[in-house]
C-alpha atoms as a PDB file:
ATOM      1  CA  MET A   1      -8.748   5.650  -5.694  1.00  0.00           C
ATOM      2  CA  PRO A   2      -7.552   6.803  -2.277  1.00  0.00           C
ATOM      3  CA  SER A   3      -5.325   4.552  -0.185  1.00  0.00           C
ATOM      4  CA  THR A   4      -5.277   4.654   3.604  1.00  0.00           C
ATOM      5  CA  ILE A   5      -2.840   3.330   6.178  1.00  0.00           C
ATOM      6  CA  GLU A   6      -3.321   3.332   9.946  1.00  0.00           C
ATOM      7  CA  PHE A   7      -0.697   3.847  12.638  1.00  0.00           C
ATOM      8  CA  PRO A   8      -0.971   3.716  16.412  1.00  0.00           C
ATOM      9  CA  PHE A   9      -1.199   7.094  18.117  1.00  0.00           C
ATOM     10  CA  PRO A  10       1.494   7.349  20.809  1.00  0.00           C
ATOM     11  CA  ASP A  11       0.942   7.678  24.552  1.00  0.00           C
ATOM     12  CA  ASP A  12      -0.223  10.992  25.901  1.00  0.00           C
ATOM     13  CA  GLU A  13       3.358  12.161  26.432  1.00  0.00           C
ATOM     14  CA  ALA A  14       4.768  11.296  23.000  1.00  0.00           C
ATOM     15  CA  LEU A  15       4.323  13.318  19.823  1.00  0.00           C
ATOM     16  CA  PRO A  16       2.749  11.672  16.765  1.00  0.00           C
ATOM     17  CA  SER A  17       5.364  10.147  14.487  1.00  0.00           C
ATOM     18  CA  ILE A  18       5.343   7.551  11.732  1.00  0.00           C
ATOM     19  CA  PRO A  19       7.966   5.295  10.164  1.00  0.00           C
ATOM     20  CA  ILE A  20       8.956   6.389   6.665  1.00  0.00           C
ATOM     21  CA  THR A  21      11.590   5.558   4.099  1.00  0.00           C
ATOM     22  CA  LEU A  22      13.409   8.435   2.406  1.00  0.00           C
ATOM     23  CA  SER A  23      15.161   7.931  -0.945  1.00  0.00           C
ATOM     24  CA  TYR A  24      17.483  10.209  -2.877  1.00  0.00           C
ATOM     25  CA  ALA A  25      19.912   9.321  -5.648  1.00  0.00           C
ATOM     26  CA  ASP A  26      20.836   5.678  -4.956  1.00  0.00           C
ATOM     27  CA  PHE A  27      20.433   5.801  -1.176  1.00  0.00           C
ATOM     28  CA  SER A  28      17.575   5.074   1.227  1.00  0.00           C
ATOM     29  CA  VAL A  29      17.157   5.808   4.922  1.00  0.00           C
ATOM     30  CA  SER A  30      14.425   4.571   7.257  1.00  0.00           C
ATOM     31  CA  ALA A  31      13.447   6.963  10.037  1.00  0.00           C
ATOM     32  CA  ASN A  32      10.593   8.106  12.236  1.00  0.00           C
ATOM     33  CA  ALA A  33       9.085  11.429  11.163  1.00  0.00           C
ATOM     34  CA  LEU A  34       7.167  13.786  13.393  1.00  0.00           C
ATOM     35  CA  LEU A  35       3.746  14.797  12.015  1.00  0.00           C
ATOM     36  CA  ASP A  36       3.579  18.505  12.798  1.00  0.00           C
ATOM     37  CA  THR A  37       0.504  20.403  11.642  1.00  0.00           C
ATOM     38  CA  GLY A  38       2.060  23.604  13.018  1.00  0.00           C
ATOM     39  CA  SER A  39       5.205  23.364  10.910  1.00  0.00           C
ATOM     40  CA  THR A  40       5.075  25.335   7.683  1.00  0.00           C
ATOM     41  CA  VAL A  41       7.692  23.114   5.991  1.00  0.00           C
ATOM     42  CA  ASN A  42       9.024  19.584   5.921  1.00  0.00           C
ATOM     43  CA  LEU A  43      12.350  19.598   7.779  1.00  0.00           C
ATOM     44  CA  LEU A  44      15.255  17.275   7.021  1.00  0.00           C
ATOM     45  CA  PRO A  45      18.149  17.075   9.506  1.00  0.00           C
ATOM     46  CA  TYR A  46      21.613  17.569   8.020  1.00  0.00           C
ATOM     47  CA  ASP A  47      22.901  14.090   8.887  1.00  0.00           C
ATOM     48  CA  ILE A  48      19.988  12.347   7.166  1.00  0.00           C
ATOM     49  CA  GLY A  49      20.574  14.384   4.005  1.00  0.00           C
ATOM     50  CA  LEU A  50      24.212  13.269   4.021  1.00  0.00           C
ATOM     51  CA  GLN A  51      23.159   9.619   4.527  1.00  0.00           C
ATOM     52  CA  LEU A  52      20.967  10.012   1.443  1.00  0.00           C
ATOM     53  CA  GLY A  53      23.978  11.116  -0.590  1.00  0.00           C
ATOM     54  CA  ALA A  54      22.895  14.742  -0.972  1.00  0.00           C
ATOM     55  CA  ILE A  55      25.685  17.295  -1.373  1.00  0.00           C
ATOM     56  CA  TRP A  56      25.096  20.551   0.481  1.00  0.00           C
ATOM     57  CA  GLU A  57      26.979  22.723  -1.996  1.00  0.00           C
ATOM     58  CA  GLU A  58      24.881  21.443  -4.921  1.00  0.00           C
ATOM     59  CA  GLN A  59      21.594  22.606  -3.364  1.00  0.00           C
ATOM     60  CA  THR A  60      21.214  26.196  -4.524  1.00  0.00           C
ATOM     61  CA  VAL A  61      17.733  27.103  -3.237  1.00  0.00           C
ATOM     62  CA  ARG A  62      18.113  28.740   0.174  1.00  0.00           C
ATOM     63  CA  LEU A  63      15.099  28.602   2.461  1.00  0.00           C
ATOM     64  CA  PRO A  64      14.509  30.848   5.479  1.00  0.00           C
ATOM     65  CA  LEU A  65      13.450  29.049   8.642  1.00  0.00           C
ATOM     66  CA  ALA A  66      11.503  30.622  11.498  1.00  0.00           C
ATOM     67  CA  GLY A  67      11.186  30.297  15.252  1.00  0.00           C
ATOM     68  CA  ASN A  68      13.938  28.391  17.059  1.00  0.00           C
ATOM     69  CA  LEU A  69      15.583  27.596  13.725  1.00  0.00           C
ATOM     70  CA  ALA A  70      15.637  31.146  12.336  1.00  0.00           C
ATOM     71  CA  ARG A  71      19.448  31.262  12.511  1.00  0.00           C
ATOM     72  CA  VAL A  72      19.942  27.866  10.885  1.00  0.00           C
ATOM     73  CA  GLU A  73      20.834  27.771   7.205  1.00  0.00           C
ATOM     74  CA  ALA A  74      18.525  25.565   5.113  1.00  0.00           C
ATOM     75  CA  ARG A  75      18.415  24.572   1.471  1.00  0.00           C
ATOM     76  CA  GLY A  76      15.642  23.030  -0.584  1.00  0.00           C
ATOM     77  CA  LEU A  77      15.848  19.324  -1.379  1.00  0.00           C
ATOM     78  CA  PHE A  78      13.315  17.025  -3.052  1.00  0.00           C
ATOM     79  CA  VAL A  79      13.328  13.537  -1.539  1.00  0.00           C
ATOM     80  CA  HIS A  80      11.150  10.513  -2.292  1.00  0.00           C
ATOM     81  CA  VAL A  81       9.070   9.425   0.698  1.00  0.00           C
ATOM     82  CA  GLN A  82       7.474   6.002   1.145  1.00  0.00           C
ATOM     83  CA  ILE A  83       4.903   5.500   3.896  1.00  0.00           C
ATOM     84  CA  GLY A  84       3.962   1.859   4.329  1.00  0.00           C
ATOM     85  CA  ASN A  85       2.333   0.574   1.169  1.00  0.00           C
ATOM     86  CA  LEU A  86       1.082   3.982  -0.002  1.00  0.00           C
ATOM     87  CA  GLU A  87       2.177   5.398  -3.345  1.00  0.00           C
ATOM     88  CA  PRO A  88       5.573   7.118  -2.958  1.00  0.00           C
ATOM     89  CA  VAL A  89       5.650  10.919  -3.187  1.00  0.00           C
ATOM     90  CA  ARG A  90       8.441  13.442  -3.760  1.00  0.00           C
ATOM     91  CA  PRO A  91       7.887  16.344  -1.361  1.00  0.00           C
ATOM     92  CA  ALA A  92      10.189  19.308  -0.848  1.00  0.00           C
ATOM     93  CA  PHE A  93      12.206  19.509   2.353  1.00  0.00           C
ATOM     94  CA  ALA A  94      14.052  22.319   4.052  1.00  0.00           C
ATOM     95  CA  TRP A  95      17.396  20.562   4.572  1.00  0.00           C
ATOM     96  CA  ALA A  96      18.735  22.190   7.726  1.00  0.00           C
ATOM     97  CA  LYS A  97      22.460  22.478   8.306  1.00  0.00           C
ATOM     98  CA  VAL A  98      22.022  21.081  11.802  1.00  0.00           C
ATOM     99  CA  SER A  99      21.491  17.479  12.874  1.00  0.00           C
ATOM    100  CA  GLN A 100      19.948  18.037  16.311  1.00  0.00           C
ATOM    101  CA  VAL A 101      16.445  18.616  14.918  1.00  0.00           C
ATOM    102  CA  PRO A 102      13.647  16.127  14.300  1.00  0.00           C
ATOM    103  CA  LEU A 103      12.654  14.905  10.865  1.00  0.00           C
ATOM    104  CA  ILE A 104       9.378  16.811  10.417  1.00  0.00           C
ATOM    105  CA  LEU A 105       6.497  16.375   7.993  1.00  0.00           C
ATOM    106  CA  GLY A 106       4.681  19.731   7.786  1.00  0.00           C
ATOM    107  CA  GLN A 107       2.187  21.794   5.810  1.00  0.00           C
ATOM    108  CA  THR A 108       4.419  22.361   2.765  1.00  0.00           C
ATOM    109  CA  ASN A 109       3.941  19.959   1.347  1.00  0.00           C
ATOM    110  CA  PHE A 110       3.200  16.762   3.295  1.00  0.00           C
ATOM    111  CA  PHE A 111      -0.237  17.882   4.466  1.00  0.00           C
ATOM    112  CA  ARG A 112      -1.040  18.950   0.887  1.00  0.00           C
ATOM    113  CA  GLU A 113      -0.316  15.429  -0.400  1.00  0.00           C
ATOM    114  CA  PHE A 114      -1.972  13.477   2.417  1.00  0.00           C
ATOM    115  CA  ASP A 115      -5.063  13.697   4.582  1.00  0.00           C
ATOM    116  CA  VAL A 116      -4.216  12.869   8.176  1.00  0.00           C
ATOM    117  CA  CYS A 117      -6.835  12.023  10.775  1.00  0.00           C
ATOM    118  CA  PHE A 118      -5.684  11.964  14.395  1.00  0.00           C
ATOM    119  CA  GLN A 119      -8.055   9.778  16.403  1.00  0.00           C
ATOM    120  CA  ARG A 120      -6.508  10.132  19.797  1.00  0.00           C
ATOM    121  CA  SER A 121      -9.436   8.578  21.687  1.00  0.00           C
ATOM    122  CA  ARG A 122      -9.017   5.443  19.539  1.00  0.00           C
ATOM    123  CA  HIS A 123      -5.196   5.652  19.738  1.00  0.00           C
ATOM    124  CA  THR A 124      -4.837   5.696  15.942  1.00  0.00           C
ATOM    125  CA  MET A 125      -3.768   7.951  13.101  1.00  0.00           C
ATOM    126  CA  GLU A 126      -5.046   7.446   9.570  1.00  0.00           C
ATOM    127  CA  ILE A 127      -3.063   8.705   6.590  1.00  0.00           C
ATOM    128  CA  THR A 128      -4.794   8.831   3.217  1.00  0.00           C
ATOM    129  CA  HIS A 129      -3.210   9.554  -0.148  1.00  0.00           C
ATOM    130  CA  PHE A 130      -5.417  10.454  -3.108  1.00  0.00           C
END
């Protein structure tokens, strides 16, 4: 049975983001994540990965980034994500070795786990997990 949660869509000038809780090992971090349908991957800033207790040297899967981040080193990291009262999921993130980037939920694999409906005229976003 699908579960849906609704969030307010931000003003015209702000980008759509949602509050999430990330968990890894024995640590949790609450943060706002940008919903980016144009991003091919989920992106985790370096400082958030450290707050979660992840150790850079233990992550052996190297991931190439593109665009403005093409020169930034990234490694794969699976992190549990909780969105409101929806069932938690464990998507893959490109953990970037830079902290001055947003936490991004992208096509691989957030938008494969969830259906997202942007209803800008109603100022809402609906996120459904099946």
